Amino acid sequence: MALTLKDVAKDLGLSIVTVSKVLRNHSDVSAKTRKRVLKRIEELDYHRNPMARGLVTGRSYTVGLVVPDLLHPWYAEIAKGLCRLLRKQDYGVLISSSEEDPKLEREGIEHLLSRRVDALIVASSQTTVESFRRIEGQKTPYVLIDRKFAGLEANFVGVDDELIGQMATEHLIDCGRRRIAHIRGPQVSTAAGRLDGYRSALIRRGLAVFPGYIVGGRQGDEAGEARGYEAMQQLLRADPPPDAVFCYNDPVAIGAMQAIWEAGLRIPQDIAVIGCGNVRYGTFLRVPLSSIDQNSAQLGVKAAQLTLRLMESAPARPKTVVLQPKLVIRASTQEPDGER
């Protein structure tokens, strides 16, 4: 028969409340008592029963995470950062992938709510706020990450996407490029912000914004390389073709680079390429990829911290946490001297 919290407390001659406080890392316990309890728990090989714990506290001690794509390394980094922190606070994480499909996302949210998660963290692919009104109706705390909705007052953790577009475009201008294209993302706030930043940087630096240099391609983050490849093929047919391209994210940039090489052109001598996300393998590509680092692991940590606070007590007003991006320059934009 499995040991219970009551058994552990009786063995130590302490109250159940005291042992529980030690397990919850509560500060209202002396260091001596804490050490004694933890030592005995290890000796007894005691494991908490989450179902029993939930009956007492009214919580499931699980958090739901909904992302557009589990294969995208940027979302994997976010998940890693938030899971690590939540695990330390004894919360499990249930993960759902929407595959950039609003219907699948709504179904995933409903499933997580039926599992009585204590909170939700969502990078949404939806165009309406209906699901979030339902979450609010169930009094479940939630945090939007990466993507937000105009007119929806919600807790949000993300990056300044307009600044991302500005930084990437201005870097290409500083590299001497003048025909700068943009492969945009899906119809979500991140893509809109980066497009706005791209346009504003060109205008501020006295360059024209050519509509034919802004292309989309296949939808869905999971199809990033294919979108970049198809969009770059379209850009290469422009007259004149661009001499640089800012891509919505790194998978899109990798697809664009493949199309450039297949056309017999050089990177960056003929066309410079910059992405966004700073994926780990960007350094190991045939031509290492310049990118905008969104600090994905820290974004996950900040989302977890905010979620933990919400589960303890709801703030009077939703909180917004905006991280600052960083330019990472590699060979895809910075050509050797004298080769252009």
Protein backbone atom coordinates (compact mmCIF):
# COMPACT_ATOMS: atom_id res chain seq x y z
CA MET A 1 0.00 0.00 0.00
CA ALA A 2 1.37 3.42 -0.97
CA LEU A 3 2.50 5.81 1.73
CA THR A 4 0.29 8.82 2.37
CA LEU A 5 1.15 12.30 3.58
CA LYS A 6 -0.47 11.34 6.88
CA ASP A 7 1.88 8.35 7.20
CA VAL A 8 4.94 10.54 6.64
CA ALA A 9 3.76 13.13 9.17
CA LYS A 10 3.05 10.43 11.79
CA ASP A 11 6.47 8.85 11.25
CA LEU A 12 8.15 12.22 11.85
CA GLY A 13 5.91 13.26 14.70
CA LEU A 14 4.87 16.38 12.81
CA SER A 15 1.58 17.77 11.59
CA ILE A 16 0.34 17.09 8.06
CA VAL A 17 0.34 20.85 7.47
CA THR A 18 4.05 21.13 8.27
CA VAL A 19 5.04 18.28 5.96
CA SER A 20 2.82 19.74 3.23
CA LYS A 21 4.53 23.12 3.57
CA VAL A 22 7.92 21.50 3.10
CA LEU A 23 6.72 19.74 -0.06
CA ARG A 24 5.35 23.01 -1.40
CA ASN A 25 8.62 24.78 -0.58
CA HIS A 26 6.75 27.15 1.76
CA SER A 27 8.94 29.65 3.59
CA ASP A 28 7.11 29.20 6.90
CA VAL A 29 9.23 26.20 7.97
CA SER A 30 12.59 26.21 9.73
CA ALA A 31 15.67 25.02 7.84
CA LYS A 32 16.22 22.26 10.40
CA THR A 33 12.67 20.89 10.04
CA ARG A 34 12.83 21.17 6.25
CA LYS A 35 16.06 19.18 6.10
CA ARG A 36 14.65 16.52 8.45
CA VAL A 37 11.43 16.12 6.43
CA LEU A 38 13.19 15.95 3.05
CA LYS A 39 15.69 13.39 4.35
CA ARG A 40 12.94 11.14 5.71
CA ILE A 41 10.84 11.46 2.54
CA GLU A 42 13.80 10.27 0.52
CA GLU A 43 14.38 7.34 2.90
CA LEU A 44 10.72 6.32 2.75
CA ASP A 45 10.61 6.82 -1.05
CA TYR A 46 7.40 8.83 -0.67
CA HIS A 47 5.64 10.11 -3.77
CA ARG A 48 2.73 12.49 -3.69
CA ASN A 49 -0.59 11.40 -5.14
CA PRO A 50 -1.63 14.21 -7.51
CA MET A 51 -5.28 13.12 -7.55
CA ALA A 52 -5.50 13.19 -3.76
CA ARG A 53 -3.69 16.50 -3.71
CA GLY A 54 -6.17 17.88 -6.22
CA LEU A 55 -9.14 16.83 -4.10
CA VAL A 56 -7.73 18.83 -1.20
CA THR A 57 -6.68 21.94 -3.14
CA GLY A 58 -9.25 21.96 -5.96
CA ARG A 59 -6.45 22.09 -8.55
CA SER A 60 -5.22 19.68 -11.21
CA TYR A 61 -1.64 20.97 -11.03
CA THR A 62 -1.48 20.96 -14.82
CA VAL A 63 -1.09 23.81 -17.31
CA GLY A 64 -2.19 23.56 -20.94
CA LEU A 65 0.12 24.81 -23.70
CA VAL A 66 -1.23 25.35 -27.23
CA VAL A 67 1.23 26.14 -30.05
CA PRO A 68 0.88 26.24 -33.86
CA ASP A 69 3.70 23.79 -34.55
CA LEU A 70 5.66 21.35 -32.38
CA LEU A 71 8.28 20.85 -35.10
CA HIS A 72 9.24 24.53 -35.19
CA PRO A 73 12.36 24.75 -33.00
CA TRP A 74 11.36 28.21 -31.75
CA TYR A 75 8.20 26.88 -30.10
CA ALA A 76 10.16 23.91 -28.78
CA GLU A 77 12.54 26.33 -27.04
CA ILE A 78 9.60 28.20 -25.51
CA ALA A 79 8.08 24.93 -24.28
CA LYS A 80 11.40 23.87 -22.80
CA GLY A 81 11.80 27.14 -20.88
CA LEU A 82 8.30 27.19 -19.41
CA CYS A 83 8.19 23.44 -18.65
CA ARG A 84 11.44 23.68 -16.71
CA LEU A 85 10.09 26.42 -14.43
CA LEU A 86 6.62 24.93 -14.00
CA ARG A 87 8.13 21.54 -13.18
CA LYS A 88 10.05 23.12 -10.31
CA GLN A 89 6.71 24.28 -8.89
CA ASP A 90 5.30 20.75 -9.28
CA TYR A 91 3.07 21.52 -12.27
CA GLY A 92 2.76 19.26 -15.28
CA VAL A 93 2.25 20.58 -18.81
CA LEU A 94 -0.20 19.21 -21.39
CA ILE A 95 0.78 20.27 -24.92
CA SER A 96 -1.51 20.61 -27.94
CA SER A 97 -0.49 21.52 -31.50
CA SER A 98 -3.00 23.42 -33.66
CA GLU A 99 -1.01 22.95 -36.88
CA GLU A 100 -1.91 26.59 -37.65
CA ASP A 101 -5.56 25.49 -37.97
CA PRO A 102 -8.09 27.59 -35.96
CA LYS A 103 -10.55 24.68 -35.76
CA LEU A 104 -7.91 22.32 -34.35
CA GLU A 105 -6.87 25.00 -31.90
CA ARG A 106 -10.44 25.46 -30.63
CA GLU A 107 -10.78 21.70 -30.22
CA GLY A 108 -7.46 21.55 -28.37
CA ILE A 109 -8.50 24.32 -26.00
CA GLU A 110 -11.84 22.60 -25.30
CA HIS A 111 -10.04 19.34 -24.59
CA LEU A 112 -7.63 21.01 -22.18
CA LEU A 113 -10.49 22.80 -20.41
CA SER A 114 -12.29 19.46 -20.03
CA ARG A 115 -9.15 18.14 -18.34
CA ARG A 116 -9.58 20.96 -15.82
CA VAL A 117 -6.16 22.52 -16.37
CA ASP A 118 -5.36 25.28 -13.89
CA ALA A 119 -4.26 27.69 -16.64
CA LEU A 120 -3.68 27.93 -20.39
CA ILE A 121 -0.74 29.33 -22.37
CA VAL A 122 -1.64 29.90 -26.03
CA ALA A 123 0.17 30.95 -29.20
CA SER A 124 -3.00 31.39 -31.22
CA SER A 125 -3.67 30.88 -34.92
CA GLN A 126 -7.27 32.11 -34.62
CA THR A 127 -8.71 35.26 -36.15
CA THR A 128 -11.48 35.73 -33.56
CA VAL A 129 -11.53 35.83 -29.76
CA GLU A 130 -14.45 33.45 -29.17
CA SER A 131 -12.33 30.72 -27.56
CA PHE A 132 -10.82 33.19 -25.15
CA ARG A 133 -14.23 34.49 -24.10
CA ARG A 134 -15.12 30.88 -23.30
CA ILE A 135 -11.92 30.48 -21.27
CA GLU A 136 -12.78 33.66 -19.37
CA GLY A 137 -16.30 32.35 -18.79
CA GLN A 138 -14.83 29.29 -17.09
CA LYS A 139 -12.65 31.52 -14.90
CA THR A 140 -9.51 29.80 -16.18
CA PRO A 141 -6.43 32.07 -16.23
CA TYR A 142 -4.68 32.25 -19.59
CA VAL A 143 -1.61 33.88 -21.12
CA LEU A 144 -1.19 34.66 -24.82
CA ILE A 145 2.36 34.21 -26.08
CA ASP A 146 3.97 35.45 -29.30
CA ARG A 147 0.63 36.40 -30.89
CA LYS A 148 -2.02 38.81 -29.63
CA PHE A 149 -5.40 40.21 -30.66
CA ALA A 150 -6.36 43.83 -31.16
CA GLY A 151 -9.18 44.75 -28.80
CA LEU A 152 -8.69 41.76 -26.47
CA GLU A 153 -7.44 42.69 -23.01
CA ALA A 154 -5.39 39.65 -22.10
CA ASN A 155 -2.17 38.71 -20.39
CA PHE A 156 0.55 38.61 -23.03
CA VAL A 157 4.23 37.68 -23.29
CA GLY A 158 5.97 38.32 -26.58
CA VAL A 159 8.54 40.28 -28.56
CA ASP A 160 8.33 43.68 -30.27
CA ASP A 161 7.57 42.40 -33.79
CA GLU A 162 7.61 45.81 -35.46
CA LEU A 163 11.11 46.33 -34.06
CA ILE A 164 12.09 42.91 -35.47
CA GLY A 165 11.05 44.06 -38.95
CA GLN A 166 12.91 47.33 -38.55
CA MET A 167 16.11 45.73 -37.28
CA ALA A 168 16.25 43.10 -40.02
CA THR A 169 15.51 45.58 -42.83
CA GLU A 170 17.89 48.26 -41.55
CA HIS A 171 20.66 45.66 -41.29
CA LEU A 172 20.16 44.77 -44.96
CA ILE A 173 20.24 48.47 -45.88
CA ASP A 174 23.43 48.93 -43.86
CA CYS A 175 24.91 46.05 -45.88
CA GLY A 176 24.39 48.15 -49.03
CA ARG A 177 21.21 46.48 -50.25
CA ARG A 178 18.54 48.59 -51.94
CA ARG A 179 16.07 46.12 -53.52
CA ILE A 180 14.86 44.48 -50.34
CA ALA A 181 11.98 41.98 -50.43
CA HIS A 182 9.95 40.47 -47.61
CA ILE A 183 8.45 36.98 -47.37
CA ARG A 184 5.64 37.51 -44.90
CA GLY A 185 4.00 35.10 -42.48
CA PRO A 186 0.40 33.98 -41.84
CA GLN A 187 -2.44 36.36 -40.96
CA VAL A 188 -1.45 36.81 -37.32
CA SER A 189 -0.12 39.73 -35.26
CA THR A 190 3.53 38.67 -35.50
CA ALA A 191 3.49 38.75 -39.30
CA ALA A 192 1.62 42.07 -39.36
CA GLY A 193 4.11 43.66 -36.96
CA ARG A 194 7.16 42.48 -38.89
CA LEU A 195 5.66 43.71 -42.17
CA ASP A 196 4.98 47.12 -40.62
CA GLY A 197 8.57 47.26 -39.37
CA TYR A 198 9.91 46.34 -42.80
CA ARG A 199 7.88 49.06 -44.49
CA SER A 200 8.72 51.75 -41.93
CA ALA A 201 12.45 51.01 -42.15
CA LEU A 202 12.44 51.37 -45.94
CA ILE A 203 10.49 54.64 -45.79
CA ARG A 204 12.65 56.07 -43.02
CA ARG A 205 15.80 55.32 -45.04
CA GLY A 206 14.38 56.84 -48.24
CA LEU A 207 13.79 53.58 -50.14
CA ALA A 208 10.69 52.63 -52.10
CA VAL A 209 8.26 49.96 -50.91
CA PHE A 210 7.48 47.81 -53.96
CA PRO A 211 4.28 45.74 -53.52
CA GLY A 212 5.73 43.07 -55.81
CA TYR A 213 8.55 42.53 -53.31
CA ILE A 214 6.12 41.49 -50.55
CA VAL A 215 5.02 37.87 -51.02
CA GLY A 216 3.39 35.19 -48.88
CA GLY A 217 3.36 31.65 -50.19
CA ARG A 218 2.06 28.52 -48.49
CA GLN A 219 0.38 29.00 -45.10
CA GLY A 220 1.29 27.38 -41.77
CA ASP A 221 4.47 27.46 -39.72
CA GLU A 222 4.84 23.72 -40.26
CA ALA A 223 5.21 24.50 -44.01
CA GLY A 224 7.82 27.23 -43.43
CA GLU A 225 10.53 25.86 -45.73
CA ALA A 226 8.02 25.21 -48.52
CA ARG A 227 6.56 28.72 -48.14
CA GLY A 228 10.01 30.27 -48.31
CA TYR A 229 11.02 28.18 -51.33
CA GLU A 230 7.86 29.00 -53.34
CA ALA A 231 7.88 32.68 -52.38
CA MET A 232 11.56 33.07 -53.31
CA GLN A 233 10.92 31.49 -56.71
CA GLN A 234 8.24 34.15 -57.25
CA LEU A 235 10.64 36.92 -56.20
CA LEU A 236 13.34 35.65 -58.56
CA ARG A 237 10.93 36.24 -61.47
CA ALA A 238 10.61 39.94 -60.56
CA ASP A 239 12.26 42.51 -62.83
CA PRO A 240 14.63 43.39 -61.35
CA PRO A 241 14.90 40.63 -58.73
CA PRO A 242 15.67 41.69 -55.15
CA ASP A 243 19.23 41.85 -53.86
CA ALA A 244 18.11 40.99 -50.30
CA VAL A 245 15.19 39.36 -48.54
CA PHE A 246 13.88 39.55 -44.97
CA CYS A 247 12.02 36.35 -44.10
CA TYR A 248 9.24 36.04 -41.52
CA ASN A 249 11.12 33.28 -39.68
CA ASP A 250 14.15 31.03 -40.02
CA PRO A 251 12.40 28.02 -41.63
CA VAL A 252 11.05 30.39 -44.32
CA ALA A 253 14.57 31.77 -44.79
CA ILE A 254 16.01 28.27 -45.22
CA GLY A 255 13.48 27.51 -47.95
CA ALA A 256 14.32 30.82 -49.65
CA MET A 257 18.04 30.02 -49.56
CA GLN A 258 17.42 26.70 -51.30
CA ALA A 259 15.56 28.44 -54.13
CA ILE A 260 18.40 30.96 -54.52
CA TRP A 261 21.02 28.23 -54.79
CA GLU A 262 18.95 26.25 -57.28
CA ALA A 263 18.78 29.38 -59.45
CA GLY A 264 22.60 29.40 -59.57
CA LEU A 265 22.92 32.51 -57.40
CA ARG A 266 25.19 33.14 -54.42
CA ILE A 267 24.34 34.06 -50.84
CA PRO A 268 25.01 36.81 -49.87
CA GLN A 269 26.90 38.11 -52.92
CA ASP A 270 23.84 38.08 -55.19
CA ILE A 271 21.05 38.00 -52.60
CA ALA A 272 21.43 38.51 -48.86
CA VAL A 273 19.03 36.64 -46.56
CA ILE A 274 17.97 37.25 -42.97
CA GLY A 275 15.43 35.32 -40.91
CA CYS A 276 13.90 35.54 -37.46
CA GLY A 277 14.02 33.18 -34.49
CA ASN A 278 17.75 32.35 -34.43
CA VAL A 279 17.18 28.59 -34.53
CA ARG A 280 20.00 26.52 -33.11
CA TYR A 281 21.01 24.92 -36.40
CA GLY A 282 21.31 28.29 -38.18
CA THR A 283 25.07 28.30 -37.57
CA PHE A 284 25.52 24.92 -39.30
CA LEU A 285 23.83 25.71 -42.60
CA ARG A 286 25.81 25.74 -45.86
CA VAL A 287 25.83 29.52 -45.41
CA PRO A 288 25.21 30.38 -41.73
CA LEU A 289 21.97 32.34 -41.42
CA SER A 290 21.71 35.87 -40.04
CA SER A 291 18.65 36.18 -37.83
CA ILE A 292 16.80 38.16 -35.20
CA ASP A 293 16.99 36.42 -31.82
CA GLN A 294 13.62 36.51 -30.01
CA ASN A 295 15.02 35.07 -26.78
CA SER A 296 12.66 32.10 -26.95
CA ALA A 297 13.79 30.34 -23.75
CA GLN A 298 13.38 33.53 -21.73
CA LEU A 299 9.98 34.09 -23.29
CA GLY A 300 8.95 30.66 -22.01
CA VAL A 301 10.25 31.48 -18.53
CA LYS A 302 8.40 34.81 -18.44
CA ALA A 303 5.18 33.12 -19.59
CA ALA A 304 5.52 30.50 -16.84
CA GLN A 305 6.21 33.14 -14.19
CA LEU A 306 3.16 35.16 -15.21
CA THR A 307 1.01 32.01 -15.30
CA LEU A 308 2.08 31.03 -11.78
CA ARG A 309 1.15 34.49 -10.50
CA LEU A 310 -2.24 34.32 -12.20
CA MET A 311 -3.00 30.97 -10.59
CA GLU A 312 -2.32 32.46 -7.17
CA SER A 313 -4.28 35.67 -7.59
CA ALA A 314 -5.74 37.41 -10.63
CA PRO A 315 -4.37 40.97 -11.13
CA ALA A 316 -6.73 43.92 -11.51
CA ARG A 317 -5.60 44.44 -15.12
CA PRO A 318 -3.99 42.10 -17.65
CA LYS A 319 -0.19 42.29 -17.75
CA THR A 320 1.95 42.64 -20.88
CA VAL A 321 5.59 41.53 -21.00
CA VAL A 322 7.50 42.54 -24.14
CA LEU A 323 11.05 41.23 -24.67
CA GLN A 324 13.54 43.04 -26.87
CA PRO A 325 14.94 41.25 -29.95
CA LYS A 326 18.63 41.09 -30.84
CA LEU A 327 20.36 41.09 -34.23
CA VAL A 328 22.64 38.09 -34.88
CA ILE A 329 24.86 38.63 -37.92
CA ARG A 330 26.21 35.66 -39.86
CA ALA A 331 27.47 34.93 -43.37
CA SER A 332 24.08 35.07 -45.16
CA THR A 333 24.20 38.88 -45.01
CA GLN A 334 27.81 39.74 -44.23
CA GLU A 335 29.86 38.91 -47.29
CA PRO A 336 33.68 38.88 -47.31
CA ASP A 337 35.27 42.19 -48.30
CA GLY A 338 35.63 42.72 -52.02
CA GLU A 339 33.35 39.88 -53.14
CA ARG A 340 30.32 41.94 -54.11
